[in-house]
Amino acid sequence: MSKAFSLLEVLIAMAIITIGLVAALNLIAFSLHSYKTSSQQIIDTNWVQGCLEAIRNQRDRGECCLGQNPYVATCTKNNITIKTYLYDWQ
């Protein structure tokens, strides 16, 4: 029995290692993309929440929507407009 590896065994081992490395690199790329997307969603969610809180505070102080529909308010930043409908349930 020979203790050396045949060329076929080496090629099969290299193919298996290559497949494993490609899968690991794809997983890393997907993780980085998911991180970037989720961090932007968190930033956008916090901005919208702050905008709505500011609108509600203005409404509660009676400063909101002067001369406009008192139940519709908008908040704009970077060409993005949030329109919200304010209801007074009292």
PDB file of N, CA and C in Angstrom:
ATOM      1  N   MET A   1       0.835  -1.183   0.000  1.00  0.00           N
ATOM      2  CA  MET A   1       0.000   0.000   0.000  1.00  0.00           C
ATOM      3  C   MET A   1       0.881   1.248   0.000  1.00  0.00           C
ATOM      4  N   SER A   2       0.442   2.192  -0.802  1.00  0.00           N
ATOM      5  CA  SER A   2       1.181   3.440  -0.907  1.00  0.00           C
ATOM      6  C   SER A   2       0.685   4.422   0.149  1.00  0.00           C
ATOM      7  N   LYS A   3       1.602   5.158   0.754  1.00  0.00           N
ATOM      8  CA  LYS A   3       1.232   6.121   1.775  1.00  0.00           C
ATOM      9  C   LYS A   3       1.012   7.516   1.176  1.00  0.00           C
ATOM     10  N   ALA A   4       1.219   7.686  -0.099  1.00  0.00           N
ATOM     11  CA  ALA A   4       1.050   8.988  -0.763  1.00  0.00           C
ATOM     12  C   ALA A   4      -0.398   9.133  -1.239  1.00  0.00           C
ATOM     13  N   PHE A   5      -0.793  10.378  -1.493  1.00  0.00           N
ATOM     14  CA  PHE A   5      -2.132  10.656  -2.008  1.00  0.00           C
ATOM     15  C   PHE A   5      -2.093  10.636  -3.528  1.00  0.00           C
ATOM     16  N   SER A   6      -3.145  10.135  -4.113  1.00  0.00           N
ATOM     17  CA  SER A   6      -3.229  10.154  -5.574  1.00  0.00           C
ATOM     18  C   SER A   6      -3.706  11.533  -6.022  1.00  0.00           C
ATOM     19  N   LEU A   7      -3.534  11.820  -7.289  1.00  0.00           N
ATOM     20  CA  LEU A   7      -3.956  13.106  -7.845  1.00  0.00           C
ATOM     21  C   LEU A   7      -5.454  13.285  -7.712  1.00  0.00           C
ATOM     22  N   LEU A   8      -6.216  12.236  -7.877  1.00  0.00           N
ATOM     23  CA  LEU A   8      -7.675  12.308  -7.757  1.00  0.00           C
ATOM     24  C   LEU A   8      -8.086  12.680  -6.338  1.00  0.00           C
ATOM     25  N   GLU A   9      -7.455  12.104  -5.361  1.00  0.00           N
ATOM     26  CA  GLU A   9      -7.769  12.429  -3.964  1.00  0.00           C
ATOM     27  C   GLU A   9      -7.453  13.898  -3.651  1.00  0.00           C
ATOM     28  N   VAL A  10      -6.359  14.394  -4.158  1.00  0.00           N
ATOM     29  CA  VAL A  10      -5.978  15.792  -3.926  1.00  0.00           C
ATOM     30  C   VAL A  10      -6.983  16.725  -4.587  1.00  0.00           C
ATOM     31  N   LEU A  11      -7.413  16.438  -5.808  1.00  0.00           N
ATOM     32  CA  LEU A  11      -8.384  17.270  -6.517  1.00  0.00           C
ATOM     33  C   LEU A  11      -9.732  17.273  -5.798  1.00  0.00           C
ATOM     34  N   ILE A  12     -10.156  16.142  -5.314  1.00  0.00           N
ATOM     35  CA  ILE A  12     -11.434  16.071  -4.586  1.00  0.00           C
ATOM     36  C   ILE A  12     -11.336  16.868  -3.288  1.00  0.00           C
ATOM     37  N   ALA A  13     -10.228  16.750  -2.569  1.00  0.00           N
ATOM     38  CA  ALA A  13     -10.045  17.509  -1.331  1.00  0.00           C
ATOM     39  C   ALA A  13     -10.039  19.011  -1.607  1.00  0.00           C
ATOM     40  N   MET A  14      -9.374  19.427  -2.688  1.00  0.00           N
ATOM     41  CA  MET A  14      -9.343  20.851  -3.048  1.00  0.00           C
ATOM     42  C   MET A  14     -10.735  21.357  -3.420  1.00  0.00           C
ATOM     43  N   ALA A  15     -11.524  20.535  -4.104  1.00  0.00           N
ATOM     44  CA  ALA A  15     -12.880  20.937  -4.475  1.00  0.00           C
ATOM     45  C   ALA A  15     -13.747  21.111  -3.227  1.00  0.00           C
ATOM     46  N   ILE A  16     -13.619  20.212  -2.284  1.00  0.00           N
ATOM     47  CA  ILE A  16     -14.412  20.307  -1.048  1.00  0.00           C
ATOM     48  C   ILE A  16     -14.007  21.556  -0.262  1.00  0.00           C
ATOM     49  N   ILE A  17     -12.721  21.820  -0.155  1.00  0.00           N
ATOM     50  CA  ILE A  17     -12.252  23.008   0.574  1.00  0.00           C
ATOM     51  C   ILE A  17     -12.717  24.279  -0.138  1.00  0.00           C
ATOM     52  N   THR A  18     -12.663  24.296  -1.471  1.00  0.00           N
ATOM     53  CA  THR A  18     -13.107  25.465  -2.231  1.00  0.00           C
ATOM     54  C   THR A  18     -14.587  25.723  -2.022  1.00  0.00           C
ATOM     55  N   ILE A  19     -15.397  24.695  -2.045  1.00  0.00           N
ATOM     56  CA  ILE A  19     -16.833  24.851  -1.823  1.00  0.00           C
ATOM     57  C   ILE A  19     -17.094  25.410  -0.422  1.00  0.00           C
ATOM     58  N   GLY A  20     -16.375  24.928   0.562  1.00  0.00           N
ATOM     59  CA  GLY A  20     -16.531  25.432   1.930  1.00  0.00           C
ATOM     60  C   GLY A  20     -16.128  26.892   2.055  1.00  0.00           C
ATOM     61  N   LEU A  21     -15.038  27.283   1.412  1.00  0.00           N
ATOM     62  CA  LEU A  21     -14.593  28.673   1.477  1.00  0.00           C
ATOM     63  C   LEU A  21     -15.573  29.611   0.765  1.00  0.00           C
ATOM     64  N   VAL A  22     -16.075  29.197  -0.378  1.00  0.00           N
ATOM     65  CA  VAL A  22     -17.054  30.021  -1.099  1.00  0.00           C
ATOM     66  C   VAL A  22     -18.320  30.193  -0.261  1.00  0.00           C
ATOM     67  N   ALA A  23     -18.771  29.143   0.381  1.00  0.00           N
ATOM     68  CA  ALA A  23     -19.958  29.242   1.236  1.00  0.00           C
ATOM     69  C   ALA A  23     -19.704  30.190   2.402  1.00  0.00           C
ATOM     70  N   ALA A  24     -18.528  30.124   3.007  1.00  0.00           N
ATOM     71  CA  ALA A  24     -18.203  31.011   4.126  1.00  0.00           C
ATOM     72  C   ALA A  24     -18.131  32.469   3.665  1.00  0.00           C
ATOM     73  N   LEU A  25     -17.556  32.731   2.506  1.00  0.00           N
ATOM     74  CA  LEU A  25     -17.480  34.104   1.994  1.00  0.00           C
ATOM     75  C   LEU A  25     -18.860  34.649   1.660  1.00  0.00           C
ATOM     76  N   ASN A  26     -19.734  33.806   1.109  1.00  0.00           N
ATOM     77  CA  ASN A  26     -21.103  34.241   0.834  1.00  0.00           C
ATOM     78  C   ASN A  26     -21.840  34.571   2.132  1.00  0.00           C
ATOM     79  N   LEU A  27     -21.619  33.804   3.162  1.00  0.00           N
ATOM     80  CA  LEU A  27     -22.245  34.068   4.458  1.00  0.00           C
ATOM     81  C   LEU A  27     -21.756  35.394   5.038  1.00  0.00           C
ATOM     82  N   ILE A  28     -20.473  35.678   4.909  1.00  0.00           N
ATOM     83  CA  ILE A  28     -19.932  36.943   5.398  1.00  0.00           C
ATOM     84  C   ILE A  28     -20.518  38.115   4.626  1.00  0.00           C
ATOM     85  N   ALA A  29     -20.599  37.998   3.295  1.00  0.00           N
ATOM     86  CA  ALA A  29     -21.160  39.073   2.476  1.00  0.00           C
ATOM     87  C   ALA A  29     -22.621  39.320   2.833  1.00  0.00           C
ATOM     88  N   PHE A  30     -23.390  38.260   3.024  1.00  0.00           N
ATOM     89  CA  PHE A  30     -24.798  38.402   3.394  1.00  0.00           C
ATOM     90  C   PHE A  30     -24.937  39.057   4.768  1.00  0.00           C
ATOM     91  N   SER A  31     -24.072  38.701   5.699  1.00  0.00           N
ATOM     92  CA  SER A  31     -24.124  39.285   7.043  1.00  0.00           C
ATOM     93  C   SER A  31     -23.822  40.779   7.005  1.00  0.00           C
ATOM     94  N   LEU A  32     -22.837  41.180   6.215  1.00  0.00           N
ATOM     95  CA  LEU A  32     -22.507  42.605   6.104  1.00  0.00           C
ATOM     96  C   LEU A  32     -23.655  43.385   5.471  1.00  0.00           C
ATOM     97  N   HIS A  33     -24.284  42.823   4.454  1.00  0.00           N
ATOM     98  CA  HIS A  33     -25.421  43.485   3.816  1.00  0.00           C
ATOM     99  C   HIS A  33     -26.588  43.615   4.803  1.00  0.00           C
ATOM    100  N   SER A  34     -26.859  42.570   5.558  1.00  0.00           N
ATOM    101  CA  SER A  34     -27.944  42.608   6.538  1.00  0.00           C
ATOM    102  C   SER A  34     -27.670  43.635   7.626  1.00  0.00           C
ATOM    103  N   TYR A  35     -26.423  43.736   8.055  1.00  0.00           N
ATOM    104  CA  TYR A  35     -26.052  44.718   9.073  1.00  0.00           C
ATOM    105  C   TYR A  35     -26.288  46.137   8.567  1.00  0.00           C
ATOM    106  N   LYS A  36     -25.870  46.409   7.337  1.00  0.00           N
ATOM    107  CA  LYS A  36     -26.048  47.747   6.777  1.00  0.00           C
ATOM    108  C   LYS A  36     -27.526  48.084   6.635  1.00  0.00           C
ATOM    109  N   THR A  37     -28.315  47.139   6.152  1.00  0.00           N
ATOM    110  CA  THR A  37     -29.742  47.367   5.962  1.00  0.00           C
ATOM    111  C   THR A  37     -30.442  47.583   7.307  1.00  0.00           C
ATOM    112  N   SER A  38     -30.152  46.757   8.287  1.00  0.00           N
ATOM    113  CA  SER A  38     -30.835  46.873   9.580  1.00  0.00           C
ATOM    114  C   SER A  38     -30.434  48.155  10.306  1.00  0.00           C
ATOM    115  N   SER A  39     -29.181  48.573  10.189  1.00  0.00           N
ATOM    116  CA  SER A  39     -28.781  49.814  10.858  1.00  0.00           C
ATOM    117  C   SER A  39     -29.480  51.007  10.225  1.00  0.00           C
ATOM    118  N   GLN A  40     -29.663  51.001   8.894  1.00  0.00           N
ATOM    119  CA  GLN A  40     -30.383  52.102   8.246  1.00  0.00           C
ATOM    120  C   GLN A  40     -31.859  52.088   8.650  1.00  0.00           C
ATOM    121  N   GLN A  41     -32.444  50.917   8.796  1.00  0.00           N
ATOM    122  CA  GLN A  41     -33.836  50.830   9.232  1.00  0.00           C
ATOM    123  C   GLN A  41     -34.003  51.374  10.650  1.00  0.00           C
ATOM    124  N   ILE A  42     -33.044  51.119  11.522  1.00  0.00           N
ATOM    125  CA  ILE A  42     -33.109  51.642  12.887  1.00  0.00           C
ATOM    126  C   ILE A  42     -33.022  53.169  12.875  1.00  0.00           C
ATOM    127  N   ILE A  43     -32.124  53.716  12.068  1.00  0.00           N
ATOM    128  CA  ILE A  43     -31.991  55.168  11.961  1.00  0.00           C
ATOM    129  C   ILE A  43     -33.291  55.779  11.452  1.00  0.00           C
ATOM    130  N   ASP A  44     -33.863  55.188  10.400  1.00  0.00           N
ATOM    131  CA  ASP A  44     -35.107  55.717   9.834  1.00  0.00           C
ATOM    132  C   ASP A  44     -36.270  55.604  10.822  1.00  0.00           C
ATOM    133  N   THR A  45     -36.342  54.496  11.536  1.00  0.00           N
ATOM    134  CA  THR A  45     -37.418  54.308  12.511  1.00  0.00           C
ATOM    135  C   THR A  45     -37.327  55.338  13.627  1.00  0.00           C
ATOM    136  N   ASN A  46     -36.119  55.585  14.111  1.00  0.00           N
ATOM    137  CA  ASN A  46     -35.950  56.589  15.163  1.00  0.00           C
ATOM    138  C   ASN A  46     -36.311  57.978  14.661  1.00  0.00           C
ATOM    139  N   TRP A  47     -35.963  58.298  13.410  1.00  0.00           N
ATOM    140  CA  TRP A  47     -36.312  59.603  12.860  1.00  0.00           C
ATOM    141  C   TRP A  47     -37.830  59.767  12.766  1.00  0.00           C
ATOM    142  N   VAL A  48     -38.514  58.741  12.274  1.00  0.00           N
ATOM    143  CA  VAL A  48     -39.971  58.817  12.154  1.00  0.00           C
ATOM    144  C   VAL A  48     -40.615  58.947  13.532  1.00  0.00           C
ATOM    145  N   GLN A  49     -40.126  58.195  14.504  1.00  0.00           N
ATOM    146  CA  GLN A  49     -40.682  58.272  15.852  1.00  0.00           C
ATOM    147  C   GLN A  49     -40.483  59.670  16.439  1.00  0.00           C
ATOM    148  N   GLY A  50     -39.308  60.248  16.258  1.00  0.00           N
ATOM    149  CA  GLY A  50     -39.064  61.596  16.748  1.00  0.00           C
ATOM    150  C   GLY A  50     -39.928  62.627  16.050  1.00  0.00           C
ATOM    151  N   CYS A  51     -40.126  62.443  14.754  1.00  0.00           N
ATOM    152  CA  CYS A  51     -40.980  63.356  13.994  1.00  0.00           C
ATOM    153  C   CYS A  51     -42.419  63.295  14.501  1.00  0.00           C
ATOM    154  N   LEU A  52     -42.923  62.103  14.710  1.00  0.00           N
ATOM    155  CA  LEU A  52     -44.292  61.961  15.206  1.00  0.00           C
ATOM    156  C   LEU A  52     -44.440  62.525  16.613  1.00  0.00           C
ATOM    157  N   GLU A  53     -43.445  62.337  17.456  1.00  0.00           N
ATOM    158  CA  GLU A  53     -43.503  62.906  18.807  1.00  0.00           C
ATOM    159  C   GLU A  53     -43.527  64.431  18.749  1.00  0.00           C
ATOM    160  N   ALA A  54     -42.725  65.009  17.857  1.00  0.00           N
ATOM    161  CA  ALA A  54     -42.720  66.469  17.728  1.00  0.00           C
ATOM    162  C   ALA A  54     -44.080  66.980  17.243  1.00  0.00           C
ATOM    163  N   ILE A  55     -44.683  66.279  16.294  1.00  0.00           N
ATOM    164  CA  ILE A  55     -45.995  66.676  15.784  1.00  0.00           C
ATOM    165  C   ILE A  55     -47.048  66.571  16.891  1.00  0.00           C
ATOM    166  N   ARG A  56     -47.008  65.483  17.653  1.00  0.00           N
ATOM    167  CA  ARG A  56     -47.988  65.321  18.736  1.00  0.00           C
ATOM    168  C   ARG A  56     -47.800  66.376  19.823  1.00  0.00           C
ATOM    169  N   ASN A  57     -46.551  66.715  20.114  1.00  0.00           N
ATOM    170  CA  ASN A  57     -46.299  67.764  21.101  1.00  0.00           C
ATOM    171  C   ASN A  57     -46.844  69.105  20.616  1.00  0.00           C
ATOM    172  N   GLN A  58     -46.655  69.408  19.338  1.00  0.00           N
ATOM    173  CA  GLN A  58     -47.202  70.642  18.786  1.00  0.00           C
ATOM    174  C   GLN A  58     -48.725  70.626  18.853  1.00  0.00           C
ATOM    175  N   ARG A  59     -49.313  69.494  18.557  1.00  0.00           N
ATOM    176  CA  ARG A  59     -50.772  69.384  18.613  1.00  0.00           C
ATOM    177  C   ARG A  59     -51.274  69.599  20.034  1.00  0.00           C
ATOM    178  N   ASP A  60     -50.581  68.984  20.999  1.00  0.00           N
ATOM    179  CA  ASP A  60     -51.013  69.103  22.388  1.00  0.00           C
ATOM    180  C   ASP A  60     -50.867  70.528  22.918  1.00  0.00           C
ATOM    181  N   ARG A  61     -49.881  71.263  22.395  1.00  0.00           N
ATOM    182  CA  ARG A  61     -49.706  72.650  22.795  1.00  0.00           C
ATOM    183  C   ARG A  61     -50.592  73.601  21.984  1.00  0.00           C
ATOM    184  N   GLY A  62     -51.289  73.084  20.977  1.00  0.00           N
ATOM    185  CA  GLY A  62     -52.163  73.902  20.144  1.00  0.00           C
ATOM    186  C   GLY A  62     -51.423  74.668  19.070  1.00  0.00           C
ATOM    187  N   GLU A  63     -50.196  74.258  18.731  1.00  0.00           N
ATOM    188  CA  GLU A  63     -49.384  74.955  17.738  1.00  0.00           C
ATOM    189  C   GLU A  63     -49.418  74.291  16.373  1.00  0.00           C
ATOM    190  N   CYS A  64     -50.026  73.158  16.264  1.00  0.00           N
ATOM    191  CA  CYS A  64     -49.927  72.360  15.054  1.00  0.00           C
ATOM    192  C   CYS A  64     -50.925  72.800  13.990  1.00  0.00           C
ATOM    193  N   CYS A  65     -50.471  72.759  12.776  1.00  0.00           N
ATOM    194  CA  CYS A  65     -51.341  72.808  11.606  1.00  0.00           C
ATOM    195  C   CYS A  65     -52.164  74.088  11.530  1.00  0.00           C
ATOM    196  N   LEU A  66     -51.571  75.220  11.821  1.00  0.00           N
ATOM    197  CA  LEU A  66     -52.311  76.467  11.769  1.00  0.00           C
ATOM    198  C   LEU A  66     -52.720  76.764  10.325  1.00  0.00           C
ATOM    199  N   GLY A  67     -54.003  77.001  10.108  1.00  0.00           N
ATOM    200  CA  GLY A  67     -54.508  77.290   8.771  1.00  0.00           C
ATOM    201  C   GLY A  67     -54.643  76.073   7.889  1.00  0.00           C
ATOM    202  N   GLN A  68     -54.399  74.912   8.423  1.00  0.00           N
ATOM    203  CA  GLN A  68     -54.491  73.682   7.649  1.00  0.00           C
ATOM    204  C   GLN A  68     -55.490  72.752   8.329  1.00  0.00           C
ATOM    205  N   ASN A  69     -55.612  71.593   7.787  1.00  0.00           N
ATOM    206  CA  ASN A  69     -56.454  70.570   8.396  1.00  0.00           C
ATOM    207  C   ASN A  69     -55.853  70.200   9.748  1.00  0.00           C
ATOM    208  N   PRO A  70     -56.589  70.351  10.835  1.00  0.00           N
ATOM    209  CA  PRO A  70     -56.008  70.086  12.155  1.00  0.00           C
ATOM    210  C   PRO A  70     -55.768  68.609  12.437  1.00  0.00           C
ATOM    211  N   TYR A  71     -56.226  67.734  11.555  1.00  0.00           N
ATOM    212  CA  TYR A  71     -56.053  66.299  11.789  1.00  0.00           C
ATOM    213  C   TYR A  71     -54.988  65.673  10.893  1.00  0.00           C
ATOM    214  N   VAL A  72     -54.335  66.482  10.059  1.00  0.00           N
ATOM    215  CA  VAL A  72     -53.282  65.976   9.186  1.00  0.00           C
ATOM    216  C   VAL A  72     -52.034  66.808   9.436  1.00  0.00           C
ATOM    217  N   ALA A  73     -50.915  66.159   9.696  1.00  0.00           N
ATOM    218  CA  ALA A  73     -49.656  66.856   9.921  1.00  0.00           C
ATOM    219  C   ALA A  73     -48.564  66.164   9.109  1.00  0.00           C
ATOM    220  N   THR A  74     -47.578  66.945   8.684  1.00  0.00           N
ATOM    221  CA  THR A  74     -46.471  66.390   7.910  1.00  0.00           C
ATOM    222  C   THR A  74     -45.145  66.790   8.536  1.00  0.00           C
ATOM    223  N   CYS A  75     -44.150  65.983   8.278  1.00  0.00           N
ATOM    224  CA  CYS A  75     -42.793  66.241   8.734  1.00  0.00           C
ATOM    225  C   CYS A  75     -41.878  65.874   7.564  1.00  0.00           C
ATOM    226  N   THR A  76     -40.964  66.778   7.182  1.00  0.00           N
ATOM    227  CA  THR A  76     -40.131  66.556   6.003  1.00  0.00           C
ATOM    228  C   THR A  76     -38.659  66.625   6.378  1.00  0.00           C
ATOM    229  N   LYS A  77     -37.885  65.686   5.812  1.00  0.00           N
ATOM    230  CA  LYS A  77     -36.437  65.680   5.985  1.00  0.00           C
ATOM    231  C   LYS A  77     -35.816  64.985   4.783  1.00  0.00           C
ATOM    232  N   ASN A  78     -34.848  65.616   4.162  1.00  0.00           N
ATOM    233  CA  ASN A  78     -34.130  65.039   3.010  1.00  0.00           C
ATOM    234  C   ASN A  78     -35.085  64.557   1.925  1.00  0.00           C
ATOM    235  N   ASN A  79     -36.025  65.384   1.553  1.00  0.00           N
ATOM    236  CA  ASN A  79     -37.010  65.074   0.503  1.00  0.00           C
ATOM    237  C   ASN A  79     -37.903  63.899   0.843  1.00  0.00           C
ATOM    238  N   ILE A  80     -38.009  63.554   2.107  1.00  0.00           N
ATOM    239  CA  ILE A  80     -38.921  62.504   2.550  1.00  0.00           C
ATOM    240  C   ILE A  80     -39.965  63.165   3.435  1.00  0.00           C
ATOM    241  N   THR A  81     -41.225  62.945   3.112  1.00  0.00           N
ATOM    242  CA  THR A  81     -42.306  63.556   3.866  1.00  0.00           C
ATOM    243  C   THR A  81     -43.108  62.473   4.564  1.00  0.00           C
ATOM    244  N   ILE A  82     -43.313  62.667   5.859  1.00  0.00           N
ATOM    245  CA  ILE A  82     -44.153  61.775   6.647  1.00  0.00           C
ATOM    246  C   ILE A  82     -45.477  62.490   6.868  1.00  0.00           C
ATOM    247  N   LYS A  83     -46.560  61.856   6.469  1.00  0.00           N
ATOM    248  CA  LYS A  83     -47.890  62.423   6.702  1.00  0.00           C
ATOM    249  C   LYS A  83     -48.577  61.553   7.733  1.00  0.00           C
ATOM    250  N   THR A  84     -49.055  62.181   8.767  1.00  0.00           N
ATOM    251  CA  THR A  84     -49.733  61.433   9.812  1.00  0.00           C
ATOM    252  C   THR A  84     -51.099  62.046  10.067  1.00  0.00           C
ATOM    253  N   TYR A  85     -52.006  61.223  10.481  1.00  0.00           N
ATOM    254  CA  TYR A  85     -53.372  61.666  10.782  1.00  0.00           C
ATOM    255  C   TYR A  85     -53.524  61.673  12.299  1.00  0.00           C
ATOM    256  N   LEU A  86     -53.834  62.852  12.820  1.00  0.00           N
ATOM    257  CA  LEU A  86     -53.946  63.026  14.271  1.00  0.00           C
ATOM    258  C   LEU A  86     -55.425  62.955  14.662  1.00  0.00           C
ATOM    259  N   TYR A  87     -55.705  62.145  15.628  1.00  0.00           N
ATOM    260  CA  TYR A  87     -57.067  62.008  16.117  1.00  0.00           C
ATOM    261  C   TYR A  87     -57.098  62.370  17.595  1.00  0.00           C
ATOM    262  N   ASP A  88     -58.113  63.093  17.968  1.00  0.00           N
ATOM    263  CA  ASP A  88     -58.288  63.455  19.365  1.00  0.00           C
ATOM    264  C   ASP A  88     -59.432  62.613  19.914  1.00  0.00           C
ATOM    265  N   TRP A  89     -59.115  61.665  20.758  1.00  0.00           N
ATOM    266  CA  TRP A  89     -60.122  60.717  21.229  1.00  0.00           C
ATOM    267  C   TRP A  89     -60.828  61.190  22.486  1.00  0.00           C
ATOM    268  N   GLN A  90     -60.637  62.427  22.871  1.00  0.00           N
ATOM    269  CA  GLN A  90     -61.231  62.915  24.114  1.00  0.00           C
ATOM    270  C   GLN A  90     -62.695  63.214  23.935  1.00  0.00           C
TER     271      GLN A  90
END
